[in-house]
Amino acid sequence: MTISGEYIDCLYDLTLQVIHRLDVINYEEMASFVDQRESLVNNMKADGIQLNESDKAKVKQLLEYDQILINKMSLLKNEAASWLNKQGTIRVQKNAYSSNYAPDSLFFDMKN
């Protein structure tokens, strides 16, 4: 096996592990996957790896999973945005009911 083949096999195995767990993977695991994938690709570039036809075919197979991975990343992004919006709403409601006055202040009822 060539060095390029080792890198490609590692990328392929890593990608398949994530694809098989896609329905239960959380954002931390997805971020770790993206970091590992980026590191492998950068190492290939740094080592000046040239791909043979077999490696190129495997890379094309890997690229077929990209849209599935992008969809999952979008779902995780939307979940995070929803959570942040909910937290903002909670904060606004909490601030509306919190006391912004001095504890020893006086209130006068002007209706009478």
Protein backbone atom coordinates (compact mmCIF):
# COMPACT_ATOMS: atom_id res chain seq x y z
CA MET A 1 0.00 0.00 0.00
CA THR A 2 1.22 3.49 -0.82
CA ILE A 3 1.43 6.40 1.59
CA SER A 4 -1.37 8.12 -0.28
CA GLY A 5 -3.45 4.97 0.09
CA GLU A 6 -2.92 5.01 3.85
CA TYR A 7 -4.12 8.60 4.08
CA ILE A 8 -7.12 7.90 1.87
CA ASP A 9 -8.01 4.74 3.83
CA CYS A 10 -7.79 6.70 7.06
CA LEU A 11 -10.08 9.41 5.63
CA TYR A 12 -12.46 6.76 4.34
CA ASP A 13 -12.64 4.91 7.68
CA LEU A 14 -13.09 8.15 9.60
CA THR A 15 -15.88 9.27 7.28
CA LEU A 16 -17.71 5.94 7.43
CA GLN A 17 -17.55 5.93 11.23
CA VAL A 18 -19.29 9.30 11.29
CA ILE A 19 -21.81 8.35 8.60
CA HIS A 20 -22.84 5.21 10.52
CA ARG A 21 -23.38 7.25 13.70
CA LEU A 22 -24.87 10.31 12.01
CA ASP A 23 -28.26 10.05 13.73
CA VAL A 24 -26.69 10.14 17.22
CA ILE A 25 -23.62 12.29 16.68
CA ASN A 26 -23.44 15.61 18.55
CA TYR A 27 -21.78 18.84 17.54
CA GLU A 28 -18.59 18.12 19.53
CA GLU A 29 -18.07 14.84 17.71
CA MET A 30 -18.82 16.50 14.37
CA ALA A 31 -16.31 19.27 15.11
CA SER A 32 -13.71 16.66 16.06
CA PHE A 33 -14.36 14.79 12.81
CA VAL A 34 -13.96 17.96 10.76
CA ASP A 35 -10.70 18.79 12.56
CA GLN A 36 -9.32 15.28 12.00
CA ARG A 37 -10.34 15.34 8.35
CA GLU A 38 -8.73 18.74 7.84
CA SER A 39 -5.55 17.57 9.56
CA LEU A 40 -5.29 14.51 7.31
CA VAL A 41 -5.81 16.58 4.17
CA ASN A 42 -3.26 19.17 5.31
CA ASN A 43 -0.75 16.40 6.05
CA MET A 44 -1.29 15.00 2.56
CA LYS A 45 -0.64 18.43 1.06
CA ALA A 46 2.43 18.99 3.23
CA ASP A 47 3.86 15.59 2.28
CA GLY A 48 3.27 16.34 -1.41
CA ILE A 49 1.15 13.21 -1.87
CA GLN A 50 0.26 12.33 -5.45
CA LEU A 51 -2.90 10.27 -5.86
CA ASN A 52 -3.08 7.32 -8.19
CA GLU A 53 -6.29 6.34 -10.01
CA SER A 54 -7.41 3.99 -7.23
CA ASP A 55 -6.99 6.76 -4.63
CA LYS A 56 -8.85 9.23 -6.83
CA ALA A 57 -11.76 6.81 -7.13
CA LYS A 58 -11.91 6.47 -3.34
CA VAL A 59 -11.84 10.25 -2.94
CA LYS A 60 -14.80 10.51 -5.32
CA GLN A 61 -16.65 8.02 -3.11
CA LEU A 62 -15.83 10.16 -0.09
CA LEU A 63 -17.14 13.27 -1.80
CA GLU A 64 -20.52 11.56 -2.20
CA TYR A 65 -20.92 11.72 1.59
CA ASP A 66 -20.22 15.46 1.75
CA GLN A 67 -23.82 16.57 1.18
CA ILE A 68 -25.03 14.22 3.94
CA LEU A 69 -22.40 15.64 6.28
CA ILE A 70 -23.24 19.22 5.32
CA ASN A 71 -26.93 18.55 6.01
CA LYS A 72 -26.08 17.24 9.47
CA MET A 73 -23.88 20.27 10.15
CA SER A 74 -26.74 22.56 9.11
CA LEU A 75 -29.10 20.70 11.43
CA LEU A 76 -26.67 21.09 14.32
CA LYS A 77 -26.22 24.78 13.48
CA ASN A 78 -29.99 25.33 13.46
CA GLU A 79 -30.36 23.54 16.79
CA ALA A 80 -27.68 25.77 18.30
CA ALA A 81 -29.31 28.90 16.89
CA SER A 82 -32.67 27.83 18.29
CA TRP A 83 -31.12 27.22 21.69
CA LEU A 84 -29.43 30.64 21.65
CA ASN A 85 -32.69 32.35 20.69
CA LYS A 86 -34.49 30.55 23.50
CA GLN A 87 -31.80 31.62 25.96
CA GLY A 88 -32.14 35.22 24.78
CA THR A 89 -35.90 35.10 25.29
CA ILE A 90 -35.46 33.64 28.76
CA ARG A 91 -32.96 36.36 29.63
CA VAL A 92 -35.33 39.11 28.46
CA GLN A 93 -38.21 37.66 30.47
CA LYS A 94 -36.04 37.23 33.53
CA ASN A 95 -34.80 40.82 33.32
CA ALA A 96 -38.37 42.09 33.03
CA TYR A 97 -39.25 40.53 36.37
CA SER A 98 -36.02 41.18 38.20
CA SER A 99 -35.86 44.06 40.60
CA ASN A 100 -33.96 47.01 39.20
CA TYR A 101 -34.66 49.21 42.19
CA ALA A 102 -32.97 49.79 45.49
CA PRO A 103 -34.27 47.54 48.28
CA ASP A 104 -34.87 50.48 50.61
CA SER A 105 -36.82 52.58 48.09
CA LEU A 106 -40.44 53.66 48.57
CA PHE A 107 -43.40 53.38 46.24
CA PHE A 108 -46.42 55.66 46.37
CA ASP A 109 -49.85 54.64 45.22
CA MET A 110 -51.12 57.69 43.34
CA LYS A 111 -54.59 56.26 42.54
CA ASN A 112 -56.18 57.33 45.83
